[in-house]
Amino acid sequence: MTTAHDIDLPAVLAERLTTTHPDVLRELLATFIHALMGAEADALCGAGYGERSADRTNQRNGYRHRQFDTRAGSLDLAIPKMRHGSYFPDWLLERRKRAERALTTVVATCYLLGVSTRRMDKLVETLGITSLSKSQVSVMAKELDAAVEAFRTRPLEAGPYTFMA
């Protein structure tokens, strides 16, 4: 009689995601970071990008590009500039290694467990960001969900196939 082997599937998939597909992880990280910075910039401006509102207090004024080194490779980040004042994500500036590790964990968790608005809100709060509205969190979840879906449905013509039965 055979015994069933217990496999910690989330841990195995998280390891595979962080070790074998650096390009995919890099793309997911870039998507998540840009969505998060866009949501924070919208919160600072008082209105969404390109949206007219009486509550608007500031406007975007282009982007500045910065390199962000991660375990998946370097990311070219387009950080939104403000017309009045400045914006730089504190969660990215301080403790770079810890921020990179937290972002990688957030993206891997979203990939493994699926992306829901409530889960995304909790994951963003783990980064120390609490000023995002529910609609901004929802937009971020949709963007990351689209990137994950594109990865899951990509063609597998080249390379070895890994599957679980």
C-alpha atoms as a PDB file:
ATOM      1  CA  MET A   1       0.000   0.000   0.000  1.00  0.00           C
ATOM      2  CA  THR A   2       1.335   3.424  -0.871  1.00  0.00           C
ATOM      3  CA  THR A   3       1.264   6.382   1.440  1.00  0.00           C
ATOM      4  CA  ALA A   4       0.254   9.820   0.308  1.00  0.00           C
ATOM      5  CA  HIS A   5       2.998  12.396   0.329  1.00  0.00           C
ATOM      6  CA  ASP A   6       2.038  15.760   1.731  1.00  0.00           C
ATOM      7  CA  ILE A   7       3.174  18.572  -0.503  1.00  0.00           C
ATOM      8  CA  ASP A   8       2.991  22.185   0.560  1.00  0.00           C
ATOM      9  CA  LEU A   9       1.730  23.385  -2.817  1.00  0.00           C
ATOM     10  CA  PRO A  10       1.848  27.150  -2.086  1.00  0.00           C
ATOM     11  CA  ALA A  11       5.451  26.844  -0.890  1.00  0.00           C
ATOM     12  CA  VAL A  12       6.457  24.781  -3.929  1.00  0.00           C
ATOM     13  CA  LEU A  13       4.785  27.206  -6.337  1.00  0.00           C
ATOM     14  CA  ALA A  14       6.268  30.224  -4.549  1.00  0.00           C
ATOM     15  CA  GLU A  15       9.722  28.682  -4.866  1.00  0.00           C
ATOM     16  CA  ARG A  16       9.177  27.918  -8.569  1.00  0.00           C
ATOM     17  CA  LEU A  17       7.893  31.434  -9.182  1.00  0.00           C
ATOM     18  CA  THR A  18      10.863  33.115  -7.509  1.00  0.00           C
ATOM     19  CA  THR A  19      13.551  30.822  -8.948  1.00  0.00           C
ATOM     20  CA  THR A  20      12.647  29.735 -12.476  1.00  0.00           C
ATOM     21  CA  HIS A  21      10.775  32.613 -14.051  1.00  0.00           C
ATOM     22  CA  PRO A  22      12.667  35.839 -13.277  1.00  0.00           C
ATOM     23  CA  ASP A  23      11.240  37.635 -16.323  1.00  0.00           C
ATOM     24  CA  VAL A  24       7.660  36.882 -15.305  1.00  0.00           C
ATOM     25  CA  LEU A  25       8.321  37.875 -11.716  1.00  0.00           C
ATOM     26  CA  ARG A  26      10.041  41.057 -12.912  1.00  0.00           C
ATOM     27  CA  GLU A  27       7.035  41.946 -15.094  1.00  0.00           C
ATOM     28  CA  LEU A  28       4.560  41.260 -12.283  1.00  0.00           C
ATOM     29  CA  LEU A  29       6.649  43.321  -9.851  1.00  0.00           C
ATOM     30  CA  ALA A  30       6.832  46.223 -12.309  1.00  0.00           C
ATOM     31  CA  THR A  31       3.069  46.080 -12.916  1.00  0.00           C
ATOM     32  CA  PHE A  32       2.317  46.045  -9.194  1.00  0.00           C
ATOM     33  CA  ILE A  33       4.792  48.820  -8.316  1.00  0.00           C
ATOM     34  CA  HIS A  34       3.569  51.104 -11.120  1.00  0.00           C
ATOM     35  CA  ALA A  35      -0.069  50.521 -10.132  1.00  0.00           C
ATOM     36  CA  LEU A  36       0.751  51.250  -6.489  1.00  0.00           C
ATOM     37  CA  MET A  37       2.662  54.442  -7.331  1.00  0.00           C
ATOM     38  CA  GLY A  38      -0.158  55.553  -9.648  1.00  0.00           C
ATOM     39  CA  ALA A  39      -2.732  55.005  -6.919  1.00  0.00           C
ATOM     40  CA  GLU A  40      -0.645  56.970  -4.409  1.00  0.00           C
ATOM     41  CA  ALA A  41      -0.158  59.808  -6.916  1.00  0.00           C
ATOM     42  CA  ASP A  42      -3.927  59.864  -7.531  1.00  0.00           C
ATOM     43  CA  ALA A  43      -4.505  60.102  -3.781  1.00  0.00           C
ATOM     44  CA  LEU A  44      -2.040  63.017  -3.544  1.00  0.00           C
ATOM     45  CA  CYS A  45      -3.716  64.818  -6.447  1.00  0.00           C
ATOM     46  CA  GLY A  46      -7.232  64.272  -5.154  1.00  0.00           C
ATOM     47  CA  ALA A  47      -8.379  62.772  -8.474  1.00  0.00           C
ATOM     48  CA  GLY A  48      -7.435  59.996 -10.866  1.00  0.00           C
ATOM     49  CA  TYR A  49      -5.060  60.379 -13.803  1.00  0.00           C
ATOM     50  CA  GLY A  50      -6.760  62.483 -16.501  1.00  0.00           C
ATOM     51  CA  GLU A  51      -9.882  62.861 -14.384  1.00  0.00           C
ATOM     52  CA  ARG A  52     -11.505  66.235 -13.828  1.00  0.00           C
ATOM     53  CA  SER A  53     -12.630  66.893 -10.284  1.00  0.00           C
ATOM     54  CA  ALA A  54     -13.427  69.832  -8.042  1.00  0.00           C
ATOM     55  CA  ASP A  55     -11.494  68.003  -5.301  1.00  0.00           C
ATOM     56  CA  ARG A  56      -8.242  68.023  -7.295  1.00  0.00           C
ATOM     57  CA  THR A  57      -5.426  69.667  -5.315  1.00  0.00           C
ATOM     58  CA  ASN A  58      -2.465  68.891  -7.565  1.00  0.00           C
ATOM     59  CA  GLN A  59      -1.600  67.595 -11.035  1.00  0.00           C
ATOM     60  CA  ARG A  60       0.865  65.120 -12.417  1.00  0.00           C
ATOM     61  CA  ASN A  61       3.771  66.546 -14.360  1.00  0.00           C
ATOM     62  CA  GLY A  62       5.469  63.652 -16.149  1.00  0.00           C
ATOM     63  CA  TYR A  63       7.697  60.928 -14.751  1.00  0.00           C
ATOM     64  CA  ARG A  64      11.256  60.492 -13.563  1.00  0.00           C
ATOM     65  CA  HIS A  65      12.947  57.171 -14.175  1.00  0.00           C
ATOM     66  CA  ARG A  66      14.838  55.310 -11.463  1.00  0.00           C
ATOM     67  CA  GLN A  67      16.407  51.866 -11.320  1.00  0.00           C
ATOM     68  CA  PHE A  68      15.168  49.494  -8.630  1.00  0.00           C
ATOM     69  CA  ASP A  69      17.306  46.383  -8.119  1.00  0.00           C
ATOM     70  CA  THR A  70      15.420  43.233  -7.177  1.00  0.00           C
ATOM     71  CA  ARG A  71      16.284  39.558  -6.976  1.00  0.00           C
ATOM     72  CA  ALA A  72      14.479  39.188 -10.326  1.00  0.00           C
ATOM     73  CA  GLY A  73      16.671  41.842 -11.956  1.00  0.00           C
ATOM     74  CA  SER A  74      16.659  45.614 -12.348  1.00  0.00           C
ATOM     75  CA  LEU A  75      13.376  47.396 -12.919  1.00  0.00           C
ATOM     76  CA  ASP A  76      13.125  50.750 -14.661  1.00  0.00           C
ATOM     77  CA  LEU A  77      10.506  52.553 -12.597  1.00  0.00           C
ATOM     78  CA  ALA A  78       8.614  55.578 -13.901  1.00  0.00           C
ATOM     79  CA  ILE A  79       7.910  57.569 -10.739  1.00  0.00           C
ATOM     80  CA  PRO A  80       5.151  60.178 -11.176  1.00  0.00           C
ATOM     81  CA  LYS A  81       6.173  63.812 -10.701  1.00  0.00           C
ATOM     82  CA  MET A  82       3.790  66.381  -9.231  1.00  0.00           C
ATOM     83  CA  ARG A  83       3.217  69.906 -10.504  1.00  0.00           C
ATOM     84  CA  HIS A  84       3.389  71.290  -6.930  1.00  0.00           C
ATOM     85  CA  GLY A  85       5.534  69.568  -4.345  1.00  0.00           C
ATOM     86  CA  SER A  86       7.159  66.210  -4.828  1.00  0.00           C
ATOM     87  CA  TYR A  87       6.330  62.532  -4.632  1.00  0.00           C
ATOM     88  CA  PHE A  88       8.619  59.627  -3.958  1.00  0.00           C
ATOM     89  CA  PRO A  89       7.274  56.388  -2.503  1.00  0.00           C
ATOM     90  CA  ASP A  90       8.600  56.098   1.057  1.00  0.00           C
ATOM     91  CA  TRP A  91       8.046  52.346   1.027  1.00  0.00           C
ATOM     92  CA  LEU A  92      10.475  52.124  -1.900  1.00  0.00           C
ATOM     93  CA  LEU A  93      13.057  54.603  -0.624  1.00  0.00           C
ATOM     94  CA  GLU A  94      13.559  53.255   2.888  1.00  0.00           C
ATOM     95  CA  ARG A  95      15.087  49.875   3.534  1.00  0.00           C
ATOM     96  CA  ARG A  96      15.390  48.815  -0.100  1.00  0.00           C
ATOM     97  CA  LYS A  97      16.052  45.144   0.586  1.00  0.00           C
ATOM     98  CA  ARG A  98      13.092  44.835   2.933  1.00  0.00           C
ATOM     99  CA  ALA A  99      10.816  46.670   0.493  1.00  0.00           C
ATOM    100  CA  GLU A 100      11.934  44.442  -2.378  1.00  0.00           C
ATOM    101  CA  ARG A 101      11.342  41.319  -0.308  1.00  0.00           C
ATOM    102  CA  ALA A 102       7.892  42.531   0.749  1.00  0.00           C
ATOM    103  CA  LEU A 103       6.913  43.419  -2.830  1.00  0.00           C
ATOM    104  CA  THR A 104       8.091  40.047  -4.110  1.00  0.00           C
ATOM    105  CA  THR A 105       6.057  38.330  -1.406  1.00  0.00           C
ATOM    106  CA  VAL A 106       2.975  40.396  -2.261  1.00  0.00           C
ATOM    107  CA  VAL A 107       3.204  39.555  -5.959  1.00  0.00           C
ATOM    108  CA  ALA A 108       3.853  35.856  -5.304  1.00  0.00           C
ATOM    109  CA  THR A 109       0.921  35.730  -2.871  1.00  0.00           C
ATOM    110  CA  CYS A 110      -1.363  37.380  -5.414  1.00  0.00           C
ATOM    111  CA  TYR A 111      -0.232  34.888  -8.029  1.00  0.00           C
ATOM    112  CA  LEU A 112      -0.730  31.859  -5.807  1.00  0.00           C
ATOM    113  CA  LEU A 113      -3.978  32.786  -4.078  1.00  0.00           C
ATOM    114  CA  GLY A 114      -5.639  34.852  -6.769  1.00  0.00           C
ATOM    115  CA  VAL A 115      -6.192  38.576  -6.629  1.00  0.00           C
ATOM    116  CA  SER A 116      -9.172  39.914  -4.738  1.00  0.00           C
ATOM    117  CA  THR A 117      -9.812  43.479  -3.651  1.00  0.00           C
ATOM    118  CA  ARG A 118      -9.889  42.612   0.050  1.00  0.00           C
ATOM    119  CA  ARG A 119      -6.690  40.563  -0.175  1.00  0.00           C
ATOM    120  CA  MET A 120      -4.953  43.308  -2.182  1.00  0.00           C
ATOM    121  CA  ASP A 121      -5.972  45.891   0.447  1.00  0.00           C
ATOM    122  CA  LYS A 122      -4.455  43.767   3.226  1.00  0.00           C
ATOM    123  CA  LEU A 123      -1.268  43.165   1.240  1.00  0.00           C
ATOM    124  CA  VAL A 124      -0.842  46.885   0.522  1.00  0.00           C
ATOM    125  CA  GLU A 125      -1.314  47.614   4.235  1.00  0.00           C
ATOM    126  CA  THR A 126       1.576  45.248   5.008  1.00  0.00           C
ATOM    127  CA  LEU A 127       3.767  47.682   3.054  1.00  0.00           C
ATOM    128  CA  GLY A 128       2.625  50.471   5.383  1.00  0.00           C
ATOM    129  CA  ILE A 129       0.341  52.227   2.884  1.00  0.00           C
ATOM    130  CA  THR A 130      -3.085  53.085   4.270  1.00  0.00           C
ATOM    131  CA  SER A 131      -4.146  56.110   2.204  1.00  0.00           C
ATOM    132  CA  LEU A 132      -5.547  54.200  -0.787  1.00  0.00           C
ATOM    133  CA  SER A 133      -9.257  54.219  -1.555  1.00  0.00           C
ATOM    134  CA  LYS A 134     -11.243  51.069  -2.296  1.00  0.00           C
ATOM    135  CA  SER A 135     -11.522  52.010  -5.975  1.00  0.00           C
ATOM    136  CA  GLN A 136      -7.732  52.438  -6.251  1.00  0.00           C
ATOM    137  CA  VAL A 137      -7.195  49.045  -4.627  1.00  0.00           C
ATOM    138  CA  SER A 138      -9.745  47.563  -7.031  1.00  0.00           C
ATOM    139  CA  VAL A 139      -7.939  49.016 -10.066  1.00  0.00           C
ATOM    140  CA  MET A 140      -4.611  47.651  -8.785  1.00  0.00           C
ATOM    141  CA  ALA A 141      -6.149  44.214  -8.254  1.00  0.00           C
ATOM    142  CA  LYS A 142      -7.543  44.209 -11.805  1.00  0.00           C
ATOM    143  CA  GLU A 143      -4.176  45.223 -13.314  1.00  0.00           C
ATOM    144  CA  LEU A 144      -2.270  42.562 -11.409  1.00  0.00           C
ATOM    145  CA  ASP A 145      -4.967  39.980 -12.160  1.00  0.00           C
ATOM    146  CA  ALA A 146      -4.640  40.737 -15.881  1.00  0.00           C
ATOM    147  CA  ALA A 147      -0.851  40.293 -15.713  1.00  0.00           C
ATOM    148  CA  VAL A 148      -1.215  36.994 -13.837  1.00  0.00           C
ATOM    149  CA  GLU A 149      -3.834  35.766 -16.326  1.00  0.00           C
ATOM    150  CA  ALA A 150      -1.545  36.649 -19.246  1.00  0.00           C
ATOM    151  CA  PHE A 151       1.214  34.574 -17.614  1.00  0.00           C
ATOM    152  CA  ARG A 152      -1.080  31.629 -16.938  1.00  0.00           C
ATOM    153  CA  THR A 153      -2.413  31.531 -20.509  1.00  0.00           C
ATOM    154  CA  ARG A 154       0.897  32.151 -22.318  1.00  0.00           C
ATOM    155  CA  PRO A 155       1.958  29.671 -25.023  1.00  0.00           C
ATOM    156  CA  LEU A 156       4.358  26.954 -23.885  1.00  0.00           C
ATOM    157  CA  GLU A 157       6.104  26.145 -27.151  1.00  0.00           C
ATOM    158  CA  ALA A 158       9.722  26.344 -25.997  1.00  0.00           C
ATOM    159  CA  GLY A 159      11.384  24.658 -23.076  1.00  0.00           C
ATOM    160  CA  PRO A 160      10.592  21.748 -20.784  1.00  0.00           C
ATOM    161  CA  TYR A 161       7.083  21.314 -19.448  1.00  0.00           C
ATOM    162  CA  THR A 162       6.518  21.185 -15.718  1.00  0.00           C
ATOM    163  CA  PHE A 163       3.182  19.868 -14.574  1.00  0.00           C
ATOM    164  CA  MET A 164       1.575  18.313 -11.536  1.00  0.00           C
ATOM    165  CA  ALA A 165      -0.898  15.468 -11.718  1.00  0.00           C
END
